Amino acid sequence: MTGPAQQLDEAGTDMDGISSAVKSRTSYSYDDAGGEDAASALNAFVKAWEAEAKTLASALHELGGKVQLAKKTYHGADGLVKTHADSVPAGGTSSLTSTSAQGGRTSALSSY
């Protein structure tokens, strides 16, 4: 992977690390949290955070792959367009190929 696709994939790897770090803290005891209700709430919060981190990691990895695929696809399509454009004959007497001034000014498209 290259460029933005690689950055997205690396961010996904970072989120994998966060998910692993959070998972290691998914069972707080009564003593850790200062009460049974607090421990239950904290454990539920940490489990939800772990699930969210996994979802984000998966989405970032998937998006990185899609960006890389799109880059490859567009690069290939650009090559085909160039090949086809290069095969079109240029010049001749057609008024369509002329860049002559209309109304005293040149076409804005003449530089393309």
PDB file of N, CA and C in Angstrom:
ATOM      1  N   MET A   1       0.845  -1.186   0.000  1.00  0.00           N
ATOM      2  CA  MET A   1       0.000   0.000   0.000  1.00  0.00           C
ATOM      3  C   MET A   1       0.885   1.243   0.000  1.00  0.00           C
ATOM      4  N   THR A   2       0.320   2.308  -0.527  1.00  0.00           N
ATOM      5  CA  THR A   2       1.059   3.571  -0.588  1.00  0.00           C
ATOM      6  C   THR A   2       0.162   4.730  -0.197  1.00  0.00           C
ATOM      7  N   GLY A   3       0.769   5.828   0.187  1.00  0.00           N
ATOM      8  CA  GLY A   3       0.069   7.084   0.443  1.00  0.00           C
ATOM      9  C   GLY A   3      -1.067   6.981   1.438  1.00  0.00           C
ATOM     10  N   PRO A   4      -2.203   7.603   1.088  1.00  0.00           N
ATOM     11  CA  PRO A   4      -3.348   7.626   2.000  1.00  0.00           C
ATOM     12  C   PRO A   4      -3.859   6.230   2.372  1.00  0.00           C
ATOM     13  N   ALA A   5      -3.787   5.292   1.441  1.00  0.00           N
ATOM     14  CA  ALA A   5      -4.247   3.931   1.745  1.00  0.00           C
ATOM     15  C   ALA A   5      -3.404   3.327   2.861  1.00  0.00           C
ATOM     16  N   GLN A   6      -2.107   3.559   2.797  1.00  0.00           N
ATOM     17  CA  GLN A   6      -1.213   3.035   3.831  1.00  0.00           C
ATOM     18  C   GLN A   6      -1.479   3.721   5.167  1.00  0.00           C
ATOM     19  N   GLN A   7      -1.726   5.026   5.131  1.00  0.00           N
ATOM     20  CA  GLN A   7      -2.011   5.752   6.374  1.00  0.00           C
ATOM     21  C   GLN A   7      -3.279   5.220   7.029  1.00  0.00           C
ATOM     22  N   LEU A   8      -4.306   4.941   6.232  1.00  0.00           N
ATOM     23  CA  LEU A   8      -5.546   4.384   6.785  1.00  0.00           C
ATOM     24  C   LEU A   8      -5.300   3.002   7.382  1.00  0.00           C
ATOM     25  N   ASP A   9      -4.533   2.179   6.671  1.00  0.00           N
ATOM     26  CA  ASP A   9      -4.245   0.842   7.169  1.00  0.00           C
ATOM     27  C   ASP A   9      -3.427   0.904   8.460  1.00  0.00           C
ATOM     28  N   GLU A  10      -2.468   1.826   8.525  1.00  0.00           N
ATOM     29  CA  GLU A  10      -1.670   1.983   9.744  1.00  0.00           C
ATOM     30  C   GLU A  10      -2.535   2.481  10.908  1.00  0.00           C
ATOM     31  N   ALA A  11      -3.492   3.359  10.617  1.00  0.00           N
ATOM     32  CA  ALA A  11      -4.416   3.815  11.670  1.00  0.00           C
ATOM     33  C   ALA A  11      -5.245   2.630  12.171  1.00  0.00           C
ATOM     34  N   GLY A  12      -5.620   1.734  11.261  1.00  0.00           N
ATOM     35  CA  GLY A  12      -6.329   0.518  11.662  1.00  0.00           C
ATOM     36  C   GLY A  12      -5.482  -0.351  12.562  1.00  0.00           C
ATOM     37  N   THR A  13      -4.189  -0.448  12.257  1.00  0.00           N
ATOM     38  CA  THR A  13      -3.266  -1.214  13.091  1.00  0.00           C
ATOM     39  C   THR A  13      -3.149  -0.569  14.475  1.00  0.00           C
ATOM     40  N   ASP A  14      -3.116   0.770  14.511  1.00  0.00           N
ATOM     41  CA  ASP A  14      -3.097   1.473  15.800  1.00  0.00           C
ATOM     42  C   ASP A  14      -4.350   1.143  16.611  1.00  0.00           C
ATOM     43  N   MET A  15      -5.503   1.124  15.946  1.00  0.00           N
ATOM     44  CA  MET A  15      -6.752   0.806  16.644  1.00  0.00           C
ATOM     45  C   MET A  15      -6.761  -0.642  17.117  1.00  0.00           C
ATOM     46  N   ASP A  16      -6.125  -1.538  16.366  1.00  0.00           N
ATOM     47  CA  ASP A  16      -5.983  -2.932  16.835  1.00  0.00           C
ATOM     48  C   ASP A  16      -5.235  -2.952  18.164  1.00  0.00           C
ATOM     49  N   GLY A  17      -4.190  -2.141  18.255  1.00  0.00           N
ATOM     50  CA  GLY A  17      -3.413  -2.060  19.497  1.00  0.00           C
ATOM     51  C   GLY A  17      -4.226  -1.507  20.643  1.00  0.00           C
ATOM     52  N   ILE A  18      -5.043  -0.503  20.356  1.00  0.00           N
ATOM     53  CA  ILE A  18      -5.909   0.077  21.392  1.00  0.00           C
ATOM     54  C   ILE A  18      -6.917  -0.962  21.871  1.00  0.00           C
ATOM     55  N   SER A  19      -7.488  -1.686  20.920  1.00  0.00           N
ATOM     56  CA  SER A  19      -8.459  -2.727  21.276  1.00  0.00           C
ATOM     57  C   SER A  19      -7.816  -3.768  22.195  1.00  0.00           C
ATOM     58  N   SER A  20      -6.595  -4.164  21.880  1.00  0.00           N
ATOM     59  CA  SER A  20      -5.897  -5.153  22.713  1.00  0.00           C
ATOM     60  C   SER A  20      -5.611  -4.600  24.103  1.00  0.00           C
ATOM     61  N   ALA A  21      -5.209  -3.337  24.162  1.00  0.00           N
ATOM     62  CA  ALA A  21      -4.911  -2.721  25.460  1.00  0.00           C
ATOM     63  C   ALA A  21      -6.168  -2.609  26.315  1.00  0.00           C
ATOM     64  N   VAL A  22      -7.279  -2.250  25.687  1.00  0.00           N
ATOM     65  CA  VAL A  22      -8.539  -2.116  26.418  1.00  0.00           C
ATOM     66  C   VAL A  22      -9.034  -3.482  26.872  1.00  0.00           C
ATOM     67  N   LYS A  23      -8.875  -4.490  26.021  1.00  0.00           N
ATOM     68  CA  LYS A  23      -9.365  -5.832  26.351  1.00  0.00           C
ATOM     69  C   LYS A  23      -8.701  -6.373  27.616  1.00  0.00           C
ATOM     70  N   SER A  24      -7.448  -6.016  27.807  1.00  0.00           N
ATOM     71  CA  SER A  24      -6.748  -6.538  28.987  1.00  0.00           C
ATOM     72  C   SER A  24      -7.316  -5.972  30.289  1.00  0.00           C
ATOM     73  N   ARG A  25      -8.175  -4.965  30.205  1.00  0.00           N
ATOM     74  CA  ARG A  25      -8.747  -4.344  31.405  1.00  0.00           C
ATOM     75  C   ARG A  25     -10.271  -4.511  31.446  1.00  0.00           C
ATOM     76  N   THR A  26     -10.779  -5.658  31.042  1.00  0.00           N
ATOM     77  CA  THR A  26     -12.228  -5.825  30.980  1.00  0.00           C
ATOM     78  C   THR A  26     -12.858  -6.432  32.223  1.00  0.00           C
ATOM     79  N   SER A  27     -12.121  -6.633  33.271  1.00  0.00           N
ATOM     80  CA  SER A  27     -12.769  -7.172  34.473  1.00  0.00           C
ATOM     81  C   SER A  27     -12.263  -6.454  35.726  1.00  0.00           C
ATOM     82  N   TYR A  28     -12.867  -5.332  35.984  1.00  0.00           N
ATOM     83  CA  TYR A  28     -12.561  -4.585  37.213  1.00  0.00           C
ATOM     84  C   TYR A  28     -13.353  -5.207  38.362  1.00  0.00           C
ATOM     85  N   SER A  29     -12.723  -5.308  39.500  1.00  0.00           N
ATOM     86  CA  SER A  29     -13.383  -5.888  40.667  1.00  0.00           C
ATOM     87  C   SER A  29     -14.020  -4.784  41.514  1.00  0.00           C
ATOM     88  N   TYR A  30     -14.745  -5.221  42.494  1.00  0.00           N
ATOM     89  CA  TYR A  30     -15.377  -4.309  43.454  1.00  0.00           C
ATOM     90  C   TYR A  30     -14.327  -3.378  44.050  1.00  0.00           C
ATOM     91  N   ASP A  31     -13.198  -3.937  44.446  1.00  0.00           N
ATOM     92  CA  ASP A  31     -12.141  -3.135  45.077  1.00  0.00           C
ATOM     93  C   ASP A  31     -11.543  -2.123  44.108  1.00  0.00           C
ATOM     94  N   ASP A  32     -11.383  -2.509  42.838  1.00  0.00           N
ATOM     95  CA  ASP A  32     -10.808  -1.605  41.831  1.00  0.00           C
ATOM     96  C   ASP A  32     -11.700  -0.398  41.573  1.00  0.00           C
ATOM     97  N   ALA A  33     -12.992  -0.639  41.529  1.00  0.00           N
ATOM     98  CA  ALA A  33     -13.921   0.411  41.111  1.00  0.00           C
ATOM     99  C   ALA A  33     -14.604   1.124  42.275  1.00  0.00           C
ATOM    100  N   GLY A  34     -14.540   0.563  43.449  1.00  0.00           N
ATOM    101  CA  GLY A  34     -15.138   1.221  44.602  1.00  0.00           C
ATOM    102  C   GLY A  34     -16.603   0.897  44.813  1.00  0.00           C
ATOM    103  N   GLY A  35     -17.041  -0.227  44.329  1.00  0.00           N
ATOM    104  CA  GLY A  35     -18.421  -0.633  44.543  1.00  0.00           C
ATOM    105  C   GLY A  35     -18.892  -1.558  43.436  1.00  0.00           C
ATOM    106  N   GLU A  36     -19.895  -2.392  43.776  1.00  0.00           N
ATOM    107  CA  GLU A  36     -20.392  -3.375  42.810  1.00  0.00           C
ATOM    108  C   GLU A  36     -21.018  -2.706  41.589  1.00  0.00           C
ATOM    109  N   ASP A  37     -21.855  -1.689  41.806  1.00  0.00           N
ATOM    110  CA  ASP A  37     -22.480  -0.993  40.678  1.00  0.00           C
ATOM    111  C   ASP A  37     -21.432  -0.304  39.813  1.00  0.00           C
ATOM    112  N   ALA A  38     -20.469   0.315  40.472  1.00  0.00           N
ATOM    113  CA  ALA A  38     -19.407   1.006  39.718  1.00  0.00           C
ATOM    114  C   ALA A  38     -18.586   0.002  38.921  1.00  0.00           C
ATOM    115  N   ALA A  39     -18.279  -1.152  39.493  1.00  0.00           N
ATOM    116  CA  ALA A  39     -17.504  -2.169  38.785  1.00  0.00           C
ATOM    117  C   ALA A  39     -18.278  -2.688  37.569  1.00  0.00           C
ATOM    118  N   SER A  40     -19.576  -2.923  37.731  1.00  0.00           N
ATOM    119  CA  SER A  40     -20.400  -3.398  36.613  1.00  0.00           C
ATOM    120  C   SER A  40     -20.453  -2.358  35.496  1.00  0.00           C
ATOM    121  N   ALA A  41     -20.646  -1.117  35.870  1.00  0.00           N
ATOM    122  CA  ALA A  41     -20.713  -0.036  34.875  1.00  0.00           C
ATOM    123  C   ALA A  41     -19.376   0.132  34.160  1.00  0.00           C
ATOM    124  N   LEU A  42     -18.307   0.098  34.918  1.00  0.00           N
ATOM    125  CA  LEU A  42     -16.976   0.253  34.336  1.00  0.00           C
ATOM    126  C   LEU A  42     -16.652  -0.911  33.406  1.00  0.00           C
ATOM    127  N   ASN A  43     -16.979  -2.117  33.814  1.00  0.00           N
ATOM    128  CA  ASN A  43     -16.737  -3.290  32.954  1.00  0.00           C
ATOM    129  C   ASN A  43     -17.557  -3.204  31.664  1.00  0.00           C
ATOM    130  N   ALA A  44     -18.796  -2.780  31.761  1.00  0.00           N
ATOM    131  CA  ALA A  44     -19.633  -2.626  30.568  1.00  0.00           C
ATOM    132  C   ALA A  44     -19.065  -1.546  29.647  1.00  0.00           C
ATOM    133  N   PHE A  45     -18.602  -0.443  30.224  1.00  0.00           N
ATOM    134  CA  PHE A  45     -18.013   0.641  29.445  1.00  0.00           C
ATOM    135  C   PHE A  45     -16.766   0.168  28.707  1.00  0.00           C
ATOM    136  N   VAL A  46     -15.899  -0.567  29.395  1.00  0.00           N
ATOM    137  CA  VAL A  46     -14.659  -1.046  28.787  1.00  0.00           C
ATOM    138  C   VAL A  46     -14.961  -2.037  27.663  1.00  0.00           C
ATOM    139  N   LYS A  47     -15.940  -2.921  27.878  1.00  0.00           N
ATOM    140  CA  LYS A  47     -16.322  -3.874  26.822  1.00  0.00           C
ATOM    141  C   LYS A  47     -16.872  -3.144  25.603  1.00  0.00           C
ATOM    142  N   ALA A  48     -17.664  -2.112  25.837  1.00  0.00           N
ATOM    143  CA  ALA A  48     -18.191  -1.321  24.711  1.00  0.00           C
ATOM    144  C   ALA A  48     -17.058  -0.602  23.977  1.00  0.00           C
ATOM    145  N   TRP A  49     -16.103  -0.088  24.717  1.00  0.00           N
ATOM    146  CA  TRP A  49     -14.951   0.592  24.123  1.00  0.00           C
ATOM    147  C   TRP A  49     -14.140  -0.383  23.282  1.00  0.00           C
ATOM    148  N   GLU A  50     -13.955  -1.593  23.780  1.00  0.00           N
ATOM    149  CA  GLU A  50     -13.226  -2.616  23.030  1.00  0.00           C
ATOM    150  C   GLU A  50     -13.938  -2.933  21.719  1.00  0.00           C
ATOM    151  N   ALA A  51     -15.260  -3.098  21.787  1.00  0.00           N
ATOM    152  CA  ALA A  51     -16.039  -3.382  20.578  1.00  0.00           C
ATOM    153  C   ALA A  51     -15.938  -2.230  19.587  1.00  0.00           C
ATOM    154  N   GLU A  52     -16.000  -1.001  20.073  1.00  0.00           N
ATOM    155  CA  GLU A  52     -15.896   0.173  19.205  1.00  0.00           C
ATOM    156  C   GLU A  52     -14.513   0.232  18.557  1.00  0.00           C
ATOM    157  N   ALA A  53     -13.474  -0.053  19.324  1.00  0.00           N
ATOM    158  CA  ALA A  53     -12.109  -0.037  18.783  1.00  0.00           C
ATOM    159  C   ALA A  53     -11.949  -1.095  17.693  1.00  0.00           C
ATOM    160  N   LYS A  54     -12.527  -2.274  17.901  1.00  0.00           N
ATOM    161  CA  LYS A  54     -12.470  -3.330  16.882  1.00  0.00           C
ATOM    162  C   LYS A  54     -13.195  -2.903  15.613  1.00  0.00           C
ATOM    163  N   THR A  55     -14.359  -2.272  15.771  1.00  0.00           N
ATOM    164  CA  THR A  55     -15.129  -1.799  14.621  1.00  0.00           C
ATOM    165  C   THR A  55     -14.351  -0.744  13.842  1.00  0.00           C
ATOM    166  N   LEU A  56     -13.772   0.200  14.560  1.00  0.00           N
ATOM    167  CA  LEU A  56     -12.981   1.249  13.908  1.00  0.00           C
ATOM    168  C   LEU A  56     -11.766   0.658  13.198  1.00  0.00           C
ATOM    169  N   ALA A  57     -11.077  -0.268  13.830  1.00  0.00           N
ATOM    170  CA  ALA A  57      -9.909  -0.900  13.212  1.00  0.00           C
ATOM    171  C   ALA A  57     -10.301  -1.609  11.927  1.00  0.00           C
ATOM    172  N   SER A  58     -11.371  -2.366  11.983  1.00  0.00           N
ATOM    173  CA  SER A  58     -11.840  -3.090  10.805  1.00  0.00           C
ATOM    174  C   SER A  58     -12.211  -2.123   9.680  1.00  0.00           C
ATOM    175  N   ALA A  59     -12.915  -1.051  10.035  1.00  0.00           N
ATOM    176  CA  ALA A  59     -13.328  -0.066   9.027  1.00  0.00           C
ATOM    177  C   ALA A  59     -12.118   0.621   8.399  1.00  0.00           C
ATOM    178  N   LEU A  60     -11.126   0.964   9.202  1.00  0.00           N
ATOM    179  CA  LEU A  60      -9.930   1.617   8.669  1.00  0.00           C
ATOM    180  C   LEU A  60      -9.144   0.686   7.748  1.00  0.00           C
ATOM    181  N   HIS A  61      -9.003  -0.573   8.124  1.00  0.00           N
ATOM    182  CA  HIS A  61      -8.319  -1.541   7.257  1.00  0.00           C
ATOM    183  C   HIS A  61      -9.089  -1.706   5.942  1.00  0.00           C
ATOM    184  N   GLU A  62     -10.408  -1.817   6.039  1.00  0.00           N
ATOM    185  CA  GLU A  62     -11.234  -1.986   4.838  1.00  0.00           C
ATOM    186  C   GLU A  62     -11.138  -0.758   3.939  1.00  0.00           C
ATOM    187  N   LEU A  63     -11.221   0.419   4.534  1.00  0.00           N
ATOM    188  CA  LEU A  63     -11.145   1.656   3.755  1.00  0.00           C
ATOM    189  C   LEU A  63      -9.773   1.793   3.089  1.00  0.00           C
ATOM    190  N   GLY A  64      -8.714   1.456   3.800  1.00  0.00           N
ATOM    191  CA  GLY A  64      -7.376   1.499   3.209  1.00  0.00           C
ATOM    192  C   GLY A  64      -7.280   0.592   1.996  1.00  0.00           C
ATOM    193  N   GLY A  65      -7.839  -0.607   2.101  1.00  0.00           N
ATOM    194  CA  GLY A  65      -7.850  -1.536   0.974  1.00  0.00           C
ATOM    195  C   GLY A  65      -8.641  -0.999  -0.207  1.00  0.00           C
ATOM    196  N   LYS A  66      -9.770  -0.364   0.082  1.00  0.00           N
ATOM    197  CA  LYS A  66     -10.597   0.186  -0.992  1.00  0.00           C
ATOM    198  C   LYS A  66      -9.919   1.372  -1.671  1.00  0.00           C
ATOM    199  N   VAL A  67      -9.240   2.208  -0.895  1.00  0.00           N
ATOM    200  CA  VAL A  67      -8.514   3.339  -1.479  1.00  0.00           C
ATOM    201  C   VAL A  67      -7.402   2.818  -2.384  1.00  0.00           C
ATOM    202  N   GLN A  68      -6.690   1.791  -1.936  1.00  0.00           N
ATOM    203  CA  GLN A  68      -5.619   1.210  -2.752  1.00  0.00           C
ATOM    204  C   GLN A  68      -6.193   0.617  -4.033  1.00  0.00           C
ATOM    205  N   LEU A  69      -7.305  -0.086  -3.936  1.00  0.00           N
ATOM    206  CA  LEU A  69      -7.942  -0.677  -5.108  1.00  0.00           C
ATOM    207  C   LEU A  69      -8.399   0.410  -6.085  1.00  0.00           C
ATOM    208  N   ALA A  70      -8.991   1.479  -5.549  1.00  0.00           N
ATOM    209  CA  ALA A  70      -9.437   2.579  -6.404  1.00  0.00           C
ATOM    210  C   ALA A  70      -8.259   3.220  -7.123  1.00  0.00           C
ATOM    211  N   LYS A  71      -7.154   3.385  -6.406  1.00  0.00           N
ATOM    212  CA  LYS A  71      -5.960   3.971  -7.023  1.00  0.00           C
ATOM    213  C   LYS A  71      -5.489   3.113  -8.194  1.00  0.00           C
ATOM    214  N   LYS A  72      -5.425   1.801  -7.972  1.00  0.00           N
ATOM    215  CA  LYS A  72      -4.991   0.895  -9.039  1.00  0.00           C
ATOM    216  C   LYS A  72      -5.968   0.931 -10.212  1.00  0.00           C
ATOM    217  N   THR A  73      -7.262   0.950  -9.903  1.00  0.00           N
ATOM    218  CA  THR A  73      -8.279   0.958 -10.948  1.00  0.00           C
ATOM    219  C   THR A  73      -8.200   2.234 -11.781  1.00  0.00           C
ATOM    220  N   TYR A  74      -8.120   3.383 -11.116  1.00  0.00           N
ATOM    221  CA  TYR A  74      -8.053   4.651 -11.844  1.00  0.00           C
ATOM    222  C   TYR A  74      -6.751   4.775 -12.611  1.00  0.00           C
ATOM    223  N   HIS A  75      -5.663   4.270 -12.049  1.00  0.00           N
ATOM    224  CA  HIS A  75      -4.381   4.329 -12.761  1.00  0.00           C
ATOM    225  C   HIS A  75      -4.487   3.536 -14.066  1.00  0.00           C
ATOM    226  N   GLY A  76      -5.087   2.358 -13.991  1.00  0.00           N
ATOM    227  CA  GLY A  76      -5.283   1.542 -15.188  1.00  0.00           C
ATOM    228  C   GLY A  76      -6.206   2.220 -16.190  1.00  0.00           C
ATOM    229  N   ALA A  77      -7.283   2.824 -15.690  1.00  0.00           N
ATOM    230  CA  ALA A  77      -8.232   3.512 -16.565  1.00  0.00           C
ATOM    231  C   ALA A  77      -7.575   4.724 -17.215  1.00  0.00           C
ATOM    232  N   ASP A  78      -6.745   5.449 -16.453  1.00  0.00           N
ATOM    233  CA  ASP A  78      -6.039   6.602 -17.017  1.00  0.00           C
ATOM    234  C   ASP A  78      -5.134   6.166 -18.162  1.00  0.00           C
ATOM    235  N   GLY A  79      -4.478   5.047 -17.990  1.00  0.00           N
ATOM    236  CA  GLY A  79      -3.615   4.528 -19.050  1.00  0.00           C
ATOM    237  C   GLY A  79      -4.402   4.189 -20.300  1.00  0.00           C
ATOM    238  N   LEU A  80      -5.590   3.597 -20.120  1.00  0.00           N
ATOM    239  CA  LEU A  80      -6.433   3.282 -21.272  1.00  0.00           C
ATOM    240  C   LEU A  80      -6.910   4.540 -21.978  1.00  0.00           C
ATOM    241  N   VAL A  81      -7.294   5.542 -21.212  1.00  0.00           N
ATOM    242  CA  VAL A  81      -7.748   6.803 -21.811  1.00  0.00           C
ATOM    243  C   VAL A  81      -6.612   7.428 -22.602  1.00  0.00           C
ATOM    244  N   LYS A  82      -5.419   7.443 -22.035  1.00  0.00           N
ATOM    245  CA  LYS A  82      -4.266   8.020 -22.739  1.00  0.00           C
ATOM    246  C   LYS A  82      -3.991   7.253 -24.020  1.00  0.00           C
ATOM    247  N   THR A  83      -4.036   5.930 -23.957  1.00  0.00           N
ATOM    248  CA  THR A  83      -3.802   5.115 -25.147  1.00  0.00           C
ATOM    249  C   THR A  83      -4.831   5.431 -26.229  1.00  0.00           C
ATOM    250  N   HIS A  84      -6.094   5.509 -25.833  1.00  0.00           N
ATOM    251  CA  HIS A  84      -7.143   5.819 -26.801  1.00  0.00           C
ATOM    252  C   HIS A  84      -7.010   7.242 -27.332  1.00  0.00           C
ATOM    253  N   ALA A  85      -6.693   8.173 -26.466  1.00  0.00           N
ATOM    254  CA  ALA A  85      -6.546   9.566 -26.901  1.00  0.00           C
ATOM    255  C   ALA A  85      -5.359   9.715 -27.840  1.00  0.00           C
ATOM    256  N   ASP A  86      -4.278   9.006 -27.562  1.00  0.00           N
ATOM    257  CA  ASP A  86      -3.100   9.079 -28.426  1.00  0.00           C
ATOM    258  C   ASP A  86      -3.364   8.487 -29.801  1.00  0.00           C
ATOM    259  N   SER A  87      -4.334   7.587 -29.900  1.00  0.00           N
ATOM    260  CA  SER A  87      -4.616   6.950 -31.185  1.00  0.00           C
ATOM    261  C   SER A  87      -5.549   7.773 -32.065  1.00  0.00           C
ATOM    262  N   VAL A  88      -6.115   8.857 -31.528  1.00  0.00           N
ATOM    263  CA  VAL A  88      -7.007   9.709 -32.312  1.00  0.00           C
ATOM    264  C   VAL A  88      -6.157  10.619 -33.181  1.00  0.00           C
ATOM    265  N   PRO A  89      -6.405  10.615 -34.502  1.00  0.00           N
ATOM    266  CA  PRO A  89      -5.618  11.486 -35.385  1.00  0.00           C
ATOM    267  C   PRO A  89      -5.907  12.957 -35.087  1.00  0.00           C
ATOM    268  N   ALA A  90      -4.883  13.763 -35.136  1.00  0.00           N
ATOM    269  CA  ALA A  90      -5.021  15.191 -34.861  1.00  0.00           C
ATOM    270  C   ALA A  90      -4.678  15.978 -36.116  1.00  0.00           C
ATOM    271  N   GLY A  91      -5.169  17.198 -36.178  1.00  0.00           N
ATOM    272  CA  GLY A  91      -4.862  18.058 -37.327  1.00  0.00           C
ATOM    273  C   GLY A  91      -5.917  17.933 -38.399  1.00  0.00           C
ATOM    274  N   GLY A  92      -5.564  18.300 -39.595  1.00  0.00           N
ATOM    275  CA  GLY A  92      -6.514  18.222 -40.692  1.00  0.00           C
ATOM    276  C   GLY A  92      -7.219  19.542 -40.891  1.00  0.00           C
ATOM    277  N   THR A  93      -8.282  19.499 -41.652  1.00  0.00           N
ATOM    278  CA  THR A  93      -8.990  20.731 -42.002  1.00  0.00           C
ATOM    279  C   THR A  93     -10.295  20.898 -41.253  1.00  0.00           C
ATOM    280  N   SER A  94     -10.583  20.019 -40.331  1.00  0.00           N
ATOM    281  CA  SER A  94     -11.839  20.098 -39.584  1.00  0.00           C
ATOM    282  C   SER A  94     -11.862  21.346 -38.713  1.00  0.00           C
ATOM    283  N   SER A  95     -13.010  21.993 -38.629  1.00  0.00           N
ATOM    284  CA  SER A  95     -13.136  23.173 -37.772  1.00  0.00           C
ATOM    285  C   SER A  95     -13.130  22.788 -36.296  1.00  0.00           C
ATOM    286  N   LEU A  96     -13.355  21.501 -36.007  1.00  0.00           N
ATOM    287  CA  LEU A  96     -13.355  21.060 -34.616  1.00  0.00           C
ATOM    288  C   LEU A  96     -11.951  21.039 -34.026  1.00  0.00           C
ATOM    289  N   THR A  97     -10.931  20.887 -34.863  1.00  0.00           N
ATOM    290  CA  THR A  97      -9.573  20.831 -34.348  1.00  0.00           C
ATOM    291  C   THR A  97      -8.919  22.201 -34.338  1.00  0.00           C
ATOM    292  N   SER A  98      -9.590  23.187 -34.872  1.00  0.00           N
ATOM    293  CA  SER A  98      -9.025  24.523 -34.940  1.00  0.00           C
ATOM    294  C   SER A  98      -9.146  25.222 -33.596  1.00  0.00           C
ATOM    295  N   THR A  99      -8.130  26.002 -33.250  1.00  0.00           N
ATOM    296  CA  THR A  99      -8.184  26.788 -32.021  1.00  0.00           C
ATOM    297  C   THR A  99      -8.286  28.273 -32.366  1.00  0.00           C
ATOM    298  N   SER A 100      -8.897  28.535 -33.505  1.00  0.00           N
ATOM    299  CA  SER A 100      -9.004  29.929 -33.926  1.00  0.00           C
ATOM    300  C   SER A 100      -9.926  30.696 -32.988  1.00  0.00           C
ATOM    301  N   ALA A 101      -9.723  31.995 -32.986  1.00  0.00           N
ATOM    302  CA  ALA A 101     -10.496  32.866 -32.096  1.00  0.00           C
ATOM    303  C   ALA A 101     -11.935  32.958 -32.555  1.00  0.00           C
ATOM    304  N   GLN A 102     -12.820  32.964 -31.605  1.00  0.00           N
ATOM    305  CA  GLN A 102     -14.234  33.171 -31.880  1.00  0.00           C
ATOM    306  C   GLN A 102     -14.633  34.452 -31.187  1.00  0.00           C
ATOM    307  N   GLY A 103     -15.133  35.376 -31.955  1.00  0.00           N
ATOM    308  CA  GLY A 103     -15.524  36.642 -31.360  1.00  0.00           C
ATOM    309  C   GLY A 103     -14.315  37.408 -30.836  1.00  0.00           C
ATOM    310  N   GLY A 104     -13.147  37.167 -31.402  1.00  0.00           N
ATOM    311  CA  GLY A 104     -11.960  37.902 -30.998  1.00  0.00           C
ATOM    312  C   GLY A 104     -11.217  37.321 -29.812  1.00  0.00           C
ATOM    313  N   ARG A 105     -11.632  36.162 -29.300  1.00  0.00           N
ATOM    314  CA  ARG A 105     -10.919  35.561 -28.162  1.00  0.00           C
ATOM    315  C   ARG A 105     -10.709  34.082 -28.416  1.00  0.00           C
ATOM    316  N   THR A 106      -9.688  33.527 -27.794  1.00  0.00           N
ATOM    317  CA  THR A 106      -9.400  32.106 -27.976  1.00  0.00           C
ATOM    318  C   THR A 106     -10.239  31.284 -27.005  1.00  0.00           C
ATOM    319  N   SER A 107     -10.427  30.069 -27.363  1.00  0.00           N
ATOM    320  CA  SER A 107     -11.208  29.151 -26.530  1.00  0.00           C
ATOM    321  C   SER A 107     -10.481  28.865 -25.225  1.00  0.00           C
ATOM    322  N   ALA A 108     -11.229  28.785 -24.160  1.00  0.00           N
ATOM    323  CA  ALA A 108     -10.640  28.431 -22.858  1.00  0.00           C
ATOM    324  C   ALA A 108     -10.135  26.990 -22.883  1.00  0.00           C
ATOM    325  N   LEU A 109     -10.620  26.195 -23.804  1.00  0.00           N
ATOM    326  CA  LEU A 109     -10.222  24.786 -23.897  1.00  0.00           C
ATOM    327  C   LEU A 109      -9.008  24.584 -24.790  1.00  0.00           C
ATOM    328  N   SER A 110      -8.536  25.620 -25.438  1.00  0.00           N
ATOM    329  CA  SER A 110      -7.437  25.452 -26.376  1.00  0.00           C
ATOM    330  C   SER A 110      -6.151  24.970 -25.726  1.00  0.00           C
ATOM    331  N   SER A 111      -5.964  25.260 -24.445  1.00  0.00           N
ATOM    332  CA  SER A 111      -4.746  24.814 -23.760  1.00  0.00           C
ATOM    333  C   SER A 111      -4.804  23.349 -23.368  1.00  0.00           C
ATOM    334  N   TYR A 112      -5.959  22.746 -23.484  1.00  0.00           N
ATOM    335  CA  TYR A 112      -6.081  21.332 -23.126  1.00  0.00           C
ATOM    336  C   TYR A 112      -5.822  20.511 -24.348  1.00  0.00           C
TER     337      TYR A 112
END
